[in-house]
């Protein structure tokens, strides 16, 4: 497995759901996060946030490499979350930003 920091994949996804879908989206996030917790947690970090407007979500993921990214994105509960989110009638399209690590106050994968 390639553990070099330059191979780390960092993705930020921001999207806004309709107010009536917020609770269901939170439930779906908790379901796939439960499945993510069953995986090796030394190969990725995944966090989901809810903005102050109460309907805009930000997901920030750090993957050690493409192999773990593909494995996680293929988990059925994550695919279901994405399908339900997209079918709910989002306010605009999700914004996906690929980032590169510059510096961190601590090791991400320890």
C-alpha atoms as a PDB file:
ATOM      1  CA  UNK A   1       0.000   0.000   0.000  1.00  0.00           C
ATOM      2  CA  UNK A   2       1.287   3.456  -0.901  1.00  0.00           C
ATOM      3  CA  UNK A   3       1.434   5.693   2.177  1.00  0.00           C
ATOM      4  CA  UNK A   4       3.125   8.731   0.622  1.00  0.00           C
ATOM      5  CA  UNK A   5       1.377  12.013   1.497  1.00  0.00           C
ATOM      6  CA  UNK A   6       1.500  13.144  -2.130  1.00  0.00           C
ATOM      7  CA  UNK A   7      -0.813  10.236  -3.014  1.00  0.00           C
ATOM      8  CA  UNK A   8      -3.399  11.274  -0.436  1.00  0.00           C
ATOM      9  CA  UNK A   9      -6.771  12.202  -1.930  1.00  0.00           C
ATOM     10  CA  UNK A  10      -8.709  15.003  -0.252  1.00  0.00           C
ATOM     11  CA  UNK A  11     -12.231  15.801  -1.380  1.00  0.00           C
ATOM     12  CA  UNK A  12     -14.682  18.437  -0.166  1.00  0.00           C
ATOM     13  CA  UNK A  13     -18.305  18.107  -1.263  1.00  0.00           C
ATOM     14  CA  UNK A  14     -20.801  20.870  -0.492  1.00  0.00           C
ATOM     15  CA  UNK A  15     -24.510  20.602  -1.247  1.00  0.00           C
ATOM     16  CA  UNK A  16     -27.793  22.075  -0.068  1.00  0.00           C
ATOM     17  CA  UNK A  17     -30.913  19.989   0.500  1.00  0.00           C
ATOM     18  CA  UNK A  18     -34.484  21.177   0.822  1.00  0.00           C
ATOM     19  CA  UNK A  19     -35.464  21.814   4.454  1.00  0.00           C
ATOM     20  CA  UNK A  20     -37.883  18.862   4.501  1.00  0.00           C
ATOM     21  CA  UNK A  21     -35.031  16.480   3.555  1.00  0.00           C
ATOM     22  CA  UNK A  22     -32.535  17.567   6.239  1.00  0.00           C
ATOM     23  CA  UNK A  23     -33.593  14.966   8.815  1.00  0.00           C
ATOM     24  CA  UNK A  24     -33.578  12.095   6.290  1.00  0.00           C
ATOM     25  CA  UNK A  25     -30.168  13.198   5.018  1.00  0.00           C
ATOM     26  CA  UNK A  26     -28.816  13.176   8.581  1.00  0.00           C
ATOM     27  CA  UNK A  27     -30.196   9.656   9.053  1.00  0.00           C
ATOM     28  CA  UNK A  28     -28.596   8.473   5.805  1.00  0.00           C
ATOM     29  CA  UNK A  29     -25.252  10.009   6.772  1.00  0.00           C
ATOM     30  CA  UNK A  30     -25.350   8.225  10.128  1.00  0.00           C
ATOM     31  CA  UNK A  31     -26.071   4.919   8.385  1.00  0.00           C
ATOM     32  CA  UNK A  32     -23.113   5.078   5.993  1.00  0.00           C
ATOM     33  CA  UNK A  33     -20.844   6.478   8.700  1.00  0.00           C
ATOM     34  CA  UNK A  34     -21.672   3.403  10.797  1.00  0.00           C
ATOM     35  CA  UNK A  35     -20.510   1.253   7.900  1.00  0.00           C
ATOM     36  CA  UNK A  36     -17.409   3.425   7.421  1.00  0.00           C
ATOM     37  CA  UNK A  37     -16.520   2.920  11.098  1.00  0.00           C
ATOM     38  CA  UNK A  38     -16.399  -0.844  10.464  1.00  0.00           C
ATOM     39  CA  UNK A  39     -13.558  -0.295   7.976  1.00  0.00           C
ATOM     40  CA  UNK A  40      -9.888   0.210   8.779  1.00  0.00           C
ATOM     41  CA  UNK A  41      -9.757   3.759  10.101  1.00  0.00           C
ATOM     42  CA  UNK A  42      -6.035   4.173   9.498  1.00  0.00           C
ATOM     43  CA  UNK A  43      -6.582   4.593   5.757  1.00  0.00           C
ATOM     44  CA  UNK A  44      -9.148   7.392   5.656  1.00  0.00           C
ATOM     45  CA  UNK A  45     -10.843  10.195   7.549  1.00  0.00           C
ATOM     46  CA  UNK A  46     -14.386  11.225   6.680  1.00  0.00           C
ATOM     47  CA  UNK A  47     -16.304  14.045   8.333  1.00  0.00           C
ATOM     48  CA  UNK A  48     -19.720  15.513   7.574  1.00  0.00           C
ATOM     49  CA  UNK A  49     -20.817  18.954   8.719  1.00  0.00           C
ATOM     50  CA  UNK A  50     -24.055  20.950   8.675  1.00  0.00           C
ATOM     51  CA  UNK A  51     -23.763  24.692   8.022  1.00  0.00           C
ATOM     52  CA  UNK A  52     -25.494  27.378  10.061  1.00  0.00           C
ATOM     53  CA  UNK A  53     -28.297  27.643   7.502  1.00  0.00           C
ATOM     54  CA  UNK A  54     -29.444  24.193   8.651  1.00  0.00           C
ATOM     55  CA  UNK A  55     -29.606  22.712   5.151  1.00  0.00           C
ATOM     56  CA  UNK A  56     -26.139  22.966   3.596  1.00  0.00           C
ATOM     57  CA  UNK A  57     -23.886  19.980   4.193  1.00  0.00           C
ATOM     58  CA  UNK A  58     -20.118  19.786   3.778  1.00  0.00           C
ATOM     59  CA  UNK A  59     -18.363  16.421   3.575  1.00  0.00           C
ATOM     60  CA  UNK A  60     -14.588  16.415   3.917  1.00  0.00           C
ATOM     61  CA  UNK A  61     -12.752  13.205   3.183  1.00  0.00           C
ATOM     62  CA  UNK A  62      -9.092  12.257   3.332  1.00  0.00           C
ATOM     63  CA  UNK A  63      -8.139   8.987   1.664  1.00  0.00           C
ATOM     64  CA  UNK A  64      -4.678   7.516   2.001  1.00  0.00           C
ATOM     65  CA  UNK A  65      -4.881   6.341  -1.602  1.00  0.00           C
ATOM     66  CA  UNK A  66      -7.237   5.575  -4.471  1.00  0.00           C
ATOM     67  CA  UNK A  67      -7.747   1.963  -3.360  1.00  0.00           C
ATOM     68  CA  UNK A  68      -9.432   2.898  -0.052  1.00  0.00           C
ATOM     69  CA  UNK A  69     -11.389   5.692  -1.756  1.00  0.00           C
ATOM     70  CA  UNK A  70     -12.887   3.262  -4.277  1.00  0.00           C
ATOM     71  CA  UNK A  71     -13.635   0.724  -1.527  1.00  0.00           C
ATOM     72  CA  UNK A  72     -15.559   3.265   0.577  1.00  0.00           C
ATOM     73  CA  UNK A  73     -17.447   4.821  -2.311  1.00  0.00           C
ATOM     74  CA  UNK A  74     -18.644   1.338  -3.270  1.00  0.00           C
ATOM     75  CA  UNK A  75     -20.269   0.609   0.123  1.00  0.00           C
ATOM     76  CA  UNK A  76     -24.014   0.078  -0.466  1.00  0.00           C
ATOM     77  CA  UNK A  77     -25.166   2.445   2.299  1.00  0.00           C
ATOM     78  CA  UNK A  78     -23.003   5.231   0.846  1.00  0.00           C
ATOM     79  CA  UNK A  79     -24.398   4.636  -2.639  1.00  0.00           C
ATOM     80  CA  UNK A  80     -27.930   4.699  -1.190  1.00  0.00           C
ATOM     81  CA  UNK A  81     -27.163   7.981   0.613  1.00  0.00           C
ATOM     82  CA  UNK A  82     -25.986   9.546  -2.662  1.00  0.00           C
ATOM     83  CA  UNK A  83     -28.986   8.285  -4.636  1.00  0.00           C
ATOM     84  CA  UNK A  84     -31.497   9.519  -2.065  1.00  0.00           C
ATOM     85  CA  UNK A  85     -29.714  12.866  -1.706  1.00  0.00           C
ATOM     86  CA  UNK A  86     -29.662  13.446  -5.443  1.00  0.00           C
ATOM     87  CA  UNK A  87     -33.302  12.367  -5.879  1.00  0.00           C
ATOM     88  CA  UNK A  88     -34.462  14.684  -3.064  1.00  0.00           C
ATOM     89  CA  UNK A  89     -34.304  17.787  -5.234  1.00  0.00           C
ATOM     90  CA  UNK A  90     -31.105  19.554  -4.253  1.00  0.00           C
ATOM     91  CA  UNK A  91     -30.860  23.323  -4.330  1.00  0.00           C
ATOM     92  CA  UNK A  92     -28.289  23.419  -7.133  1.00  0.00           C
ATOM     93  CA  UNK A  93     -25.624  20.870  -7.985  1.00  0.00           C
ATOM     94  CA  UNK A  94     -23.162  19.524  -5.427  1.00  0.00           C
ATOM     95  CA  UNK A  95     -19.830  21.347  -5.484  1.00  0.00           C
ATOM     96  CA  UNK A  96     -16.913  18.928  -5.524  1.00  0.00           C
ATOM     97  CA  UNK A  97     -13.436  20.259  -4.792  1.00  0.00           C
ATOM     98  CA  UNK A  98     -10.301  18.117  -4.959  1.00  0.00           C
ATOM     99  CA  UNK A  99      -7.619  19.487  -2.660  1.00  0.00           C
ATOM    100  CA  UNK A 100      -3.960  18.887  -1.891  1.00  0.00           C
ATOM    101  CA  UNK A 101      -2.565  18.821   1.635  1.00  0.00           C
ATOM    102  CA  UNK A 102      -0.135  21.610   2.414  1.00  0.00           C
ATOM    103  CA  UNK A 103       0.425  21.237   6.153  1.00  0.00           C
ATOM    104  CA  UNK A 104      -1.320  19.724   9.161  1.00  0.00           C
ATOM    105  CA  UNK A 105      -0.974  20.159  12.910  1.00  0.00           C
ATOM    106  CA  UNK A 106      -0.895  16.357  13.266  1.00  0.00           C
ATOM    107  CA  UNK A 107      -0.501  13.177  11.253  1.00  0.00           C
ATOM    108  CA  UNK A 108      -3.805  12.405   9.557  1.00  0.00           C
ATOM    109  CA  UNK A 109      -3.398   8.634   9.322  1.00  0.00           C
ATOM    110  CA  UNK A 110      -2.057   7.658  12.734  1.00  0.00           C
END
